């Protein structure tokens, strides 16, 4: 169980996930509805295989944020964001967007010109985060149907729209580093 006190340190450390972080990531995701909870094994794999394109946020030694992402194998200039989790007590600080910006500054992502993610229509926090990122990157965005509640999920999961940001140029962002 994550315990974050109401006294907040201002220092947030961004790191690449490591396999040893898998259980902490699993616990964070479990406490971040409506995110789909995957197995701890899955998060250990993500921390190993996608470490270069994923990010952890730590505050006072506690995991308060996590983003899993990968470069799309079918579109090598697009970063696909799989899950974004921010601990409840760390919300309201634009931490998700800060993690996304830190990710986009990584050398392994320097060829990205697009960012893709899927968002359910009623997930206002995610819409706000990614629309804000598009504005910050000063580029266009668009929403496309992707996975349909009835057709793909047989009514067991909300529909997921594909949200695309780009094309963008990371040069200005990298110069801020």
N, C-alpha and C. Protein backbone atom coordinates (compact mmCIF):
# COMPACT_ATOMS: atom_id res chain seq x y z
N UNK A 1 0.84 -1.18 0.00
CA UNK A 1 0.00 0.00 0.00
C UNK A 1 0.88 1.24 0.00
N UNK A 2 0.58 2.18 -0.86
CA UNK A 2 1.35 3.42 -0.92
C UNK A 2 0.86 4.38 0.14
N UNK A 3 1.77 4.95 0.87
CA UNK A 3 1.43 5.96 1.87
C UNK A 3 2.18 7.23 1.55
N UNK A 4 1.46 8.25 1.16
CA UNK A 4 2.06 9.54 0.88
C UNK A 4 1.46 10.52 1.86
N UNK A 5 2.31 11.20 2.59
CA UNK A 5 1.81 12.15 3.58
C UNK A 5 1.33 13.41 2.89
N UNK A 6 0.60 14.22 3.63
CA UNK A 6 0.11 15.47 3.06
C UNK A 6 1.23 16.48 2.89
N UNK A 7 2.34 16.29 3.62
CA UNK A 7 3.50 17.16 3.42
C UNK A 7 4.22 16.68 2.16
N UNK A 8 4.27 17.54 1.15
CA UNK A 8 4.83 17.14 -0.12
C UNK A 8 6.22 17.73 -0.31
N UNK A 9 7.15 16.88 -0.63
CA UNK A 9 8.47 17.34 -1.03
C UNK A 9 8.32 17.93 -2.43
N UNK A 10 9.08 18.93 -2.73
CA UNK A 10 8.99 19.51 -4.06
C UNK A 10 9.84 18.74 -5.06
N UNK A 11 10.76 17.92 -4.58
CA UNK A 11 11.66 17.20 -5.47
C UNK A 11 10.98 15.93 -5.99
N UNK A 12 10.87 15.85 -7.31
CA UNK A 12 10.37 14.64 -7.96
C UNK A 12 11.49 14.13 -8.84
N UNK A 13 11.82 12.87 -8.66
CA UNK A 13 12.89 12.23 -9.42
C UNK A 13 12.27 11.39 -10.53
N UNK A 14 12.68 11.65 -11.77
CA UNK A 14 12.21 10.87 -12.92
C UNK A 14 13.28 9.86 -13.28
N UNK A 15 12.88 8.59 -13.40
CA UNK A 15 13.82 7.52 -13.72
C UNK A 15 13.23 6.59 -14.77
N UNK A 16 14.12 5.82 -15.39
CA UNK A 16 13.67 4.71 -16.22
C UNK A 16 13.22 3.61 -15.28
N UNK A 17 12.14 2.92 -15.60
CA UNK A 17 11.72 1.82 -14.72
C UNK A 17 12.73 0.68 -14.79
N UNK A 18 12.82 -0.04 -13.69
CA UNK A 18 13.64 -1.24 -13.61
C UNK A 18 12.74 -2.40 -13.22
N UNK A 19 13.17 -3.61 -13.52
CA UNK A 19 12.36 -4.80 -13.21
C UNK A 19 11.94 -4.80 -11.75
N UNK A 20 12.84 -4.38 -10.86
CA UNK A 20 12.53 -4.37 -9.42
C UNK A 20 11.38 -3.42 -9.08
N UNK A 21 11.02 -2.52 -9.99
CA UNK A 21 9.92 -1.58 -9.75
C UNK A 21 8.56 -2.18 -10.10
N UNK A 22 8.54 -3.36 -10.69
CA UNK A 22 7.30 -3.95 -11.18
C UNK A 22 6.19 -4.05 -10.15
N UNK A 23 6.51 -4.48 -8.93
CA UNK A 23 5.48 -4.60 -7.90
C UNK A 23 4.96 -3.24 -7.46
N UNK A 24 5.85 -2.25 -7.37
CA UNK A 24 5.41 -0.89 -7.03
C UNK A 24 4.51 -0.33 -8.13
N UNK A 25 4.86 -0.59 -9.37
CA UNK A 25 4.05 -0.12 -10.50
C UNK A 25 2.68 -0.79 -10.44
N UNK A 26 2.66 -2.09 -10.21
CA UNK A 26 1.40 -2.83 -10.10
C UNK A 26 0.52 -2.22 -9.01
N UNK A 27 1.10 -1.93 -7.85
CA UNK A 27 0.34 -1.34 -6.73
C UNK A 27 -0.18 0.04 -7.10
N UNK A 28 0.62 0.84 -7.79
CA UNK A 28 0.18 2.17 -8.21
C UNK A 28 -1.00 2.07 -9.17
N UNK A 29 -0.88 1.23 -10.19
CA UNK A 29 -1.95 1.08 -11.18
C UNK A 29 -3.23 0.59 -10.49
N UNK A 30 -3.08 -0.34 -9.56
CA UNK A 30 -4.24 -0.87 -8.84
C UNK A 30 -5.00 0.24 -8.12
N UNK A 31 -4.29 1.26 -7.67
CA UNK A 31 -4.91 2.37 -6.95
C UNK A 31 -5.24 3.55 -7.85
N UNK A 32 -5.27 3.34 -9.15
CA UNK A 32 -5.56 4.41 -10.11
C UNK A 32 -6.69 4.01 -11.06
N UNK A 33 -7.90 3.78 -10.52
CA UNK A 33 -9.00 3.52 -11.44
C UNK A 33 -9.24 4.76 -12.29
N UNK A 34 -9.65 4.63 -13.51
CA UNK A 34 -10.19 3.45 -14.17
C UNK A 34 -9.17 2.66 -14.97
N UNK A 35 -7.87 2.81 -14.68
CA UNK A 35 -6.87 2.07 -15.44
C UNK A 35 -7.08 0.57 -15.31
N UNK A 36 -6.86 -0.13 -16.42
CA UNK A 36 -6.93 -1.59 -16.40
C UNK A 36 -5.69 -2.12 -15.69
N UNK A 37 -5.90 -2.99 -14.72
CA UNK A 37 -4.80 -3.59 -13.98
C UNK A 37 -4.31 -4.83 -14.70
N UNK A 38 -3.03 -4.84 -15.01
CA UNK A 38 -2.41 -6.01 -15.61
C UNK A 38 -1.62 -6.75 -14.52
N UNK A 39 -1.06 -7.88 -14.85
CA UNK A 39 -0.31 -8.65 -13.86
C UNK A 39 0.99 -7.94 -13.50
N UNK A 40 1.52 -8.25 -12.34
CA UNK A 40 2.81 -7.68 -11.95
C UNK A 40 3.89 -8.13 -12.94
N UNK A 41 3.75 -9.34 -13.46
CA UNK A 41 4.67 -9.84 -14.48
C UNK A 41 4.68 -8.92 -15.70
N UNK A 42 3.50 -8.48 -16.10
CA UNK A 42 3.38 -7.58 -17.25
C UNK A 42 4.15 -6.28 -17.00
N UNK A 43 4.03 -5.73 -15.78
CA UNK A 43 4.74 -4.49 -15.46
C UNK A 43 6.24 -4.71 -15.34
N UNK A 44 6.64 -5.91 -14.94
CA UNK A 44 8.07 -6.23 -14.91
C UNK A 44 8.61 -6.31 -16.34
N UNK A 45 7.83 -6.90 -17.24
CA UNK A 45 8.23 -6.94 -18.65
C UNK A 45 8.33 -5.54 -19.23
N UNK A 46 7.32 -4.72 -18.97
CA UNK A 46 7.33 -3.34 -19.47
C UNK A 46 8.55 -2.59 -18.94
N UNK A 47 8.90 -2.84 -17.68
CA UNK A 47 10.05 -2.17 -17.06
C UNK A 47 11.37 -2.66 -17.65
N UNK A 48 11.35 -3.82 -18.22
CA UNK A 48 12.55 -4.37 -18.84
C UNK A 48 12.60 -4.04 -20.33
N UNK A 49 11.56 -4.42 -21.05
CA UNK A 49 11.57 -4.30 -22.50
C UNK A 49 11.31 -2.88 -23.00
N UNK A 50 10.58 -2.07 -22.22
CA UNK A 50 10.24 -0.71 -22.64
C UNK A 50 10.83 0.34 -21.72
N UNK A 51 11.89 0.00 -21.01
CA UNK A 51 12.47 0.94 -20.03
C UNK A 51 12.91 2.24 -20.69
N UNK A 52 13.42 2.17 -21.90
CA UNK A 52 13.90 3.37 -22.58
C UNK A 52 12.77 4.32 -22.97
N UNK A 53 11.56 3.79 -23.04
CA UNK A 53 10.43 4.61 -23.47
C UNK A 53 9.35 4.72 -22.40
N UNK A 54 9.67 4.31 -21.19
CA UNK A 54 8.74 4.42 -20.06
C UNK A 54 9.40 5.24 -18.97
N UNK A 55 8.62 5.67 -17.99
CA UNK A 55 9.17 6.56 -16.96
C UNK A 55 8.46 6.36 -15.63
N UNK A 56 9.24 6.48 -14.56
CA UNK A 56 8.72 6.47 -13.19
C UNK A 56 8.95 7.85 -12.59
N UNK A 57 8.05 8.26 -11.71
CA UNK A 57 8.21 9.49 -10.94
C UNK A 57 8.22 9.10 -9.46
N UNK A 58 9.26 9.51 -8.76
CA UNK A 58 9.46 9.17 -7.35
C UNK A 58 9.49 10.44 -6.52
N UNK A 59 8.87 10.37 -5.36
CA UNK A 59 8.92 11.48 -4.41
C UNK A 59 9.14 10.88 -3.03
N UNK A 60 10.19 11.32 -2.38
CA UNK A 60 10.53 10.81 -1.05
C UNK A 60 10.60 9.28 -1.03
N UNK A 61 11.16 8.69 -2.11
CA UNK A 61 11.33 7.25 -2.18
C UNK A 61 10.09 6.46 -2.53
N UNK A 62 8.99 7.14 -2.84
CA UNK A 62 7.74 6.46 -3.18
C UNK A 62 7.38 6.71 -4.64
N UNK A 63 6.89 5.67 -5.28
CA UNK A 63 6.45 5.79 -6.67
C UNK A 63 5.14 6.56 -6.70
N UNK A 64 5.13 7.72 -7.36
CA UNK A 64 3.91 8.53 -7.44
C UNK A 64 3.40 8.66 -8.87
N UNK A 65 4.18 8.17 -9.84
CA UNK A 65 3.73 8.25 -11.23
C UNK A 65 4.45 7.24 -12.09
N UNK A 66 3.76 6.81 -13.15
CA UNK A 66 4.34 5.85 -14.08
C UNK A 66 3.68 6.01 -15.43
N UNK A 67 4.49 5.97 -16.47
CA UNK A 67 3.98 5.93 -17.84
C UNK A 67 4.68 4.77 -18.54
N UNK A 68 3.89 3.90 -19.15
CA UNK A 68 4.44 2.85 -20.01
C UNK A 68 4.20 3.27 -21.45
N UNK A 69 5.24 3.11 -22.26
CA UNK A 69 5.15 3.53 -23.65
C UNK A 69 6.13 2.73 -24.49
N UNK A 70 5.93 2.78 -25.79
CA UNK A 70 6.84 2.12 -26.72
C UNK A 70 6.79 2.83 -28.06
N UNK A 71 7.88 2.74 -28.80
CA UNK A 71 7.86 3.23 -30.17
C UNK A 71 7.08 2.21 -30.99
N UNK A 72 6.15 2.70 -31.78
CA UNK A 72 5.32 1.78 -32.56
C UNK A 72 6.17 1.05 -33.59
N UNK A 73 6.10 -0.27 -33.62
CA UNK A 73 6.90 -1.02 -34.60
C UNK A 73 6.42 -0.79 -36.04
N UNK A 74 5.15 -0.42 -36.21
CA UNK A 74 4.60 -0.19 -37.55
C UNK A 74 4.70 1.27 -37.99
N UNK A 75 5.16 2.14 -37.11
CA UNK A 75 5.31 3.56 -37.42
C UNK A 75 6.43 4.10 -36.53
N UNK A 76 7.66 4.00 -37.02
CA UNK A 76 8.82 4.25 -36.16
C UNK A 76 9.01 5.70 -35.73
N UNK A 77 8.15 6.60 -36.19
CA UNK A 77 8.23 7.99 -35.72
C UNK A 77 7.08 8.32 -34.76
N UNK A 78 6.44 7.28 -34.22
CA UNK A 78 5.30 7.48 -33.30
C UNK A 78 5.55 6.76 -31.98
N UNK A 79 5.44 7.53 -30.90
CA UNK A 79 5.52 6.98 -29.55
C UNK A 79 4.10 6.66 -29.10
N UNK A 80 3.86 5.40 -28.71
CA UNK A 80 2.54 5.00 -28.22
C UNK A 80 2.58 4.96 -26.70
N UNK A 81 1.70 5.74 -26.08
CA UNK A 81 1.58 5.76 -24.62
C UNK A 81 0.53 4.73 -24.24
N UNK A 82 0.92 3.74 -23.45
CA UNK A 82 0.01 2.67 -23.07
C UNK A 82 -0.76 3.02 -21.81
N UNK A 83 -0.08 3.30 -20.71
CA UNK A 83 -0.77 3.67 -19.47
C UNK A 83 -0.09 4.85 -18.81
N UNK A 84 -0.90 5.72 -18.23
CA UNK A 84 -0.42 6.86 -17.45
C UNK A 84 -1.07 6.76 -16.08
N UNK A 85 -0.25 6.67 -15.05
CA UNK A 85 -0.78 6.57 -13.68
C UNK A 85 -0.14 7.63 -12.80
N UNK A 86 -0.97 8.34 -12.05
CA UNK A 86 -0.49 9.32 -11.07
C UNK A 86 -1.22 9.03 -9.76
N UNK A 87 -0.44 8.86 -8.69
CA UNK A 87 -1.03 8.60 -7.38
C UNK A 87 -2.01 9.71 -7.03
N UNK A 88 -3.10 9.34 -6.40
CA UNK A 88 -4.17 10.28 -6.07
C UNK A 88 -3.64 11.52 -5.35
N UNK A 89 -2.72 11.34 -4.42
CA UNK A 89 -2.22 12.47 -3.65
C UNK A 89 -1.19 13.31 -4.41
N UNK A 90 -0.83 12.89 -5.61
CA UNK A 90 0.10 13.66 -6.43
C UNK A 90 -0.61 14.33 -7.60
N UNK A 91 -1.91 14.22 -7.66
CA UNK A 91 -2.67 14.81 -8.77
C UNK A 91 -2.80 16.32 -8.59
N UNK A 92 -3.12 16.98 -9.69
CA UNK A 92 -3.30 18.42 -9.66
C UNK A 92 -2.00 19.20 -9.80
N UNK A 93 -0.92 18.51 -10.11
CA UNK A 93 0.40 19.15 -10.26
C UNK A 93 0.93 19.02 -11.68
N UNK A 94 0.05 18.57 -12.59
CA UNK A 94 0.45 18.34 -13.99
C UNK A 94 1.60 17.34 -14.09
N UNK A 95 1.63 16.38 -13.16
CA UNK A 95 2.71 15.39 -13.15
C UNK A 95 2.69 14.53 -14.40
N UNK A 96 1.52 14.14 -14.87
CA UNK A 96 1.45 13.31 -16.08
C UNK A 96 2.10 14.03 -17.26
N UNK A 97 1.78 15.30 -17.43
CA UNK A 97 2.37 16.04 -18.55
C UNK A 97 3.87 16.22 -18.34
N UNK A 98 4.30 16.44 -17.11
CA UNK A 98 5.74 16.58 -16.84
C UNK A 98 6.47 15.29 -17.18
N UNK A 99 5.86 14.14 -16.87
CA UNK A 99 6.49 12.86 -17.22
C UNK A 99 6.56 12.69 -18.73
N UNK A 100 5.49 13.08 -19.43
CA UNK A 100 5.48 12.99 -20.89
C UNK A 100 6.59 13.84 -21.50
N UNK A 101 6.75 15.05 -21.00
CA UNK A 101 7.81 15.94 -21.51
C UNK A 101 9.19 15.32 -21.24
N UNK A 102 9.39 14.78 -20.05
CA UNK A 102 10.67 14.13 -19.73
C UNK A 102 10.94 12.96 -20.68
N UNK A 103 9.89 12.20 -20.98
CA UNK A 103 10.04 11.09 -21.93
C UNK A 103 10.47 11.59 -23.30
N UNK A 104 9.80 12.64 -23.77
CA UNK A 104 10.08 13.15 -25.11
C UNK A 104 11.49 13.72 -25.24
N UNK A 105 12.13 14.02 -24.14
CA UNK A 105 13.50 14.54 -24.16
C UNK A 105 14.55 13.44 -24.27
N UNK A 106 14.15 12.20 -24.12
CA UNK A 106 15.12 11.09 -24.14
C UNK A 106 15.68 10.88 -25.55
N UNK A 107 16.98 10.58 -25.63
CA UNK A 107 17.60 10.33 -26.93
C UNK A 107 16.94 9.21 -27.72
N UNK A 108 16.44 8.19 -27.04
CA UNK A 108 15.82 7.06 -27.74
C UNK A 108 14.50 7.45 -28.40
N UNK A 109 13.98 8.61 -28.06
CA UNK A 109 12.69 9.05 -28.61
C UNK A 109 12.86 10.25 -29.53
N UNK A 110 14.09 10.65 -29.79
CA UNK A 110 14.33 11.87 -30.55
C UNK A 110 13.78 11.85 -31.97
N UNK A 111 13.52 10.68 -32.52
CA UNK A 111 12.96 10.61 -33.87
C UNK A 111 11.44 10.68 -33.89
N UNK A 112 10.83 10.74 -32.72
CA UNK A 112 9.36 10.80 -32.66
C UNK A 112 8.86 12.11 -33.24
N UNK A 113 7.83 11.99 -34.04
CA UNK A 113 7.13 13.16 -34.58
C UNK A 113 5.65 13.12 -34.22
N UNK A 114 5.23 11.97 -33.70
CA UNK A 114 3.83 11.78 -33.30
C UNK A 114 3.78 11.08 -31.95
N UNK A 115 2.73 11.35 -31.23
CA UNK A 115 2.44 10.65 -29.99
C UNK A 115 1.03 10.10 -30.11
N UNK A 116 0.88 8.83 -29.83
CA UNK A 116 -0.42 8.16 -29.88
C UNK A 116 -0.78 7.64 -28.50
N UNK A 117 -2.05 7.64 -28.20
CA UNK A 117 -2.56 7.00 -27.00
C UNK A 117 -4.01 6.65 -27.25
N UNK A 118 -4.57 5.79 -26.42
CA UNK A 118 -6.01 5.55 -26.49
C UNK A 118 -6.63 6.06 -25.20
N UNK A 119 -7.82 6.64 -25.35
CA UNK A 119 -8.52 7.24 -24.22
C UNK A 119 -10.00 6.92 -24.34
N UNK A 120 -10.62 6.51 -23.24
CA UNK A 120 -12.07 6.31 -23.25
C UNK A 120 -12.74 7.68 -23.25
N UNK A 121 -13.91 7.79 -23.88
CA UNK A 121 -14.56 9.10 -24.02
C UNK A 121 -14.80 9.84 -22.71
N UNK A 122 -14.98 9.15 -21.60
CA UNK A 122 -15.30 9.83 -20.34
C UNK A 122 -14.09 10.06 -19.43
N UNK A 123 -12.89 9.77 -19.89
CA UNK A 123 -11.69 9.95 -19.06
C UNK A 123 -11.18 11.39 -19.22
N UNK A 124 -11.82 12.31 -18.52
CA UNK A 124 -11.51 13.73 -18.68
C UNK A 124 -10.08 14.08 -18.27
N UNK A 125 -9.54 13.40 -17.28
CA UNK A 125 -8.16 13.69 -16.86
C UNK A 125 -7.18 13.41 -18.00
N UNK A 126 -7.37 12.29 -18.68
CA UNK A 126 -6.47 11.96 -19.80
C UNK A 126 -6.66 12.92 -20.96
N UNK A 127 -7.91 13.24 -21.28
CA UNK A 127 -8.15 14.20 -22.37
C UNK A 127 -7.46 15.52 -22.07
N UNK A 128 -7.59 15.99 -20.85
CA UNK A 128 -6.98 17.26 -20.46
C UNK A 128 -5.46 17.20 -20.56
N UNK A 129 -4.87 16.10 -20.08
CA UNK A 129 -3.42 15.94 -20.13
C UNK A 129 -2.91 15.98 -21.56
N UNK A 130 -3.50 15.18 -22.43
CA UNK A 130 -2.97 15.06 -23.79
C UNK A 130 -3.32 16.27 -24.65
N UNK A 131 -4.48 16.88 -24.46
CA UNK A 131 -4.78 18.12 -25.18
C UNK A 131 -3.84 19.23 -24.74
N UNK A 132 -3.53 19.28 -23.44
CA UNK A 132 -2.57 20.25 -22.94
C UNK A 132 -1.18 20.03 -23.51
N UNK A 133 -0.79 18.77 -23.66
CA UNK A 133 0.51 18.46 -24.25
C UNK A 133 0.56 18.93 -25.70
N UNK A 134 -0.51 18.71 -26.46
CA UNK A 134 -0.56 19.17 -27.85
C UNK A 134 -0.38 20.68 -27.92
N UNK A 135 -1.04 21.40 -27.02
CA UNK A 135 -0.89 22.86 -26.99
C UNK A 135 0.55 23.24 -26.64
N UNK A 136 1.13 22.55 -25.66
CA UNK A 136 2.50 22.86 -25.25
C UNK A 136 3.49 22.59 -26.38
N UNK A 137 3.24 21.55 -27.16
CA UNK A 137 4.11 21.23 -28.30
C UNK A 137 3.77 22.06 -29.53
N UNK A 138 2.70 22.87 -29.43
CA UNK A 138 2.27 23.75 -30.50
C UNK A 138 2.04 22.98 -31.80
N UNK A 139 1.25 21.91 -31.68
CA UNK A 139 0.97 21.11 -32.87
C UNK A 139 -0.48 20.64 -32.85
N UNK A 140 -0.89 20.09 -33.94
CA UNK A 140 -2.27 19.64 -34.07
C UNK A 140 -2.48 18.30 -33.38
N UNK A 141 -3.74 17.98 -33.22
CA UNK A 141 -4.13 16.68 -32.67
C UNK A 141 -5.41 16.25 -33.35
N UNK A 142 -5.66 14.97 -33.28
CA UNK A 142 -6.92 14.46 -33.83
C UNK A 142 -7.32 13.21 -33.08
N UNK A 143 -8.62 12.94 -33.14
CA UNK A 143 -9.19 11.78 -32.47
C UNK A 143 -9.81 10.88 -33.52
N UNK A 144 -9.50 9.59 -33.43
CA UNK A 144 -10.02 8.60 -34.37
C UNK A 144 -10.65 7.46 -33.59
N UNK A 145 -11.73 6.88 -34.12
CA UNK A 145 -12.28 5.68 -33.46
C UNK A 145 -11.22 4.58 -33.49
N UNK A 146 -11.16 3.78 -32.44
CA UNK A 146 -10.15 2.73 -32.40
C UNK A 146 -10.75 1.39 -31.97
N UNK A 147 -11.09 1.26 -30.70
CA UNK A 147 -11.67 0.02 -30.20
C UNK A 147 -13.08 0.31 -29.70
N UNK A 148 -14.05 -0.38 -30.27
CA UNK A 148 -15.45 -0.14 -29.96
C UNK A 148 -15.95 -1.03 -28.82
N UNK A 149 -16.70 -0.41 -27.93
CA UNK A 149 -17.24 -1.10 -26.75
C UNK A 149 -17.96 -2.39 -27.12
N UNK A 150 -18.82 -2.34 -28.11
CA UNK A 150 -19.60 -3.52 -28.48
C UNK A 150 -18.86 -4.44 -29.45
N UNK A 151 -18.27 -3.86 -30.48
CA UNK A 151 -17.61 -4.67 -31.49
C UNK A 151 -16.37 -5.40 -30.95
N UNK A 152 -15.53 -4.69 -30.22
CA UNK A 152 -14.27 -5.27 -29.76
C UNK A 152 -14.32 -5.84 -28.35
N UNK A 153 -15.10 -5.18 -27.47
CA UNK A 153 -15.12 -5.58 -26.06
C UNK A 153 -16.40 -6.31 -25.64
N UNK A 154 -17.32 -6.50 -26.58
CA UNK A 154 -18.60 -7.17 -26.28
C UNK A 154 -19.28 -6.57 -25.05
N UNK A 155 -19.18 -5.23 -24.93
CA UNK A 155 -19.84 -4.50 -23.85
C UNK A 155 -19.13 -4.52 -22.52
N UNK A 156 -17.99 -5.22 -22.41
CA UNK A 156 -17.31 -5.38 -21.12
C UNK A 156 -16.31 -4.27 -20.81
N UNK A 157 -16.09 -3.35 -21.73
CA UNK A 157 -15.10 -2.28 -21.54
C UNK A 157 -15.57 -1.09 -22.36
N UNK A 158 -15.29 0.10 -21.88
CA UNK A 158 -15.63 1.29 -22.65
C UNK A 158 -14.86 1.33 -23.96
N UNK A 159 -15.42 2.03 -24.94
CA UNK A 159 -14.70 2.26 -26.19
C UNK A 159 -13.41 3.02 -25.90
N UNK A 160 -12.46 2.88 -26.78
CA UNK A 160 -11.19 3.60 -26.68
C UNK A 160 -10.96 4.32 -28.00
N UNK A 161 -10.79 5.63 -27.93
CA UNK A 161 -10.46 6.43 -29.11
C UNK A 161 -8.95 6.55 -29.21
N UNK A 162 -8.44 6.60 -30.43
CA UNK A 162 -7.02 6.85 -30.64
C UNK A 162 -6.83 8.36 -30.72
N UNK A 163 -6.00 8.90 -29.85
CA UNK A 163 -5.69 10.33 -29.86
C UNK A 163 -4.28 10.48 -30.38
N UNK A 164 -4.13 11.27 -31.44
CA UNK A 164 -2.83 11.47 -32.07
C UNK A 164 -2.42 12.93 -31.94
N UNK A 165 -1.20 13.15 -31.50
CA UNK A 165 -0.60 14.48 -31.43
C UNK A 165 0.53 14.51 -32.44
N UNK A 166 0.56 15.56 -33.27
CA UNK A 166 1.66 15.70 -34.21
C UNK A 166 1.20 16.08 -35.59
N UNK A 167 2.16 16.26 -36.47
CA UNK A 167 3.59 16.10 -36.24
C UNK A 167 4.14 17.24 -35.37
N UNK A 168 5.18 16.90 -34.61
CA UNK A 168 5.85 17.91 -33.79
C UNK A 168 7.35 17.83 -34.01
N UNK A 169 8.01 18.91 -33.65
CA UNK A 169 9.46 19.00 -33.74
C UNK A 169 9.99 19.13 -32.32
N UNK A 170 10.78 18.18 -31.90
CA UNK A 170 11.28 18.15 -30.52
C UNK A 170 12.50 19.05 -30.30
N UNK A 171 12.97 19.74 -31.33
CA UNK A 171 14.17 20.56 -31.20
C UNK A 171 14.05 21.59 -30.09
N UNK A 172 12.96 22.36 -30.08
CA UNK A 172 12.78 23.39 -29.05
C UNK A 172 12.70 22.76 -27.67
N UNK A 173 12.00 21.64 -27.58
CA UNK A 173 11.86 20.95 -26.29
C UNK A 173 13.22 20.47 -25.79
N UNK A 174 14.02 19.93 -26.69
CA UNK A 174 15.34 19.42 -26.30
C UNK A 174 16.28 20.55 -25.89
N UNK A 175 16.10 21.73 -26.47
CA UNK A 175 16.93 22.87 -26.10
C UNK A 175 16.59 23.42 -24.72
N UNK A 176 15.42 23.04 -24.17
CA UNK A 176 15.03 23.46 -22.83
C UNK A 176 15.73 22.62 -21.76
N UNK A 177 16.29 21.50 -22.16
CA UNK A 177 16.88 20.56 -21.19
C UNK A 177 18.02 21.16 -20.41
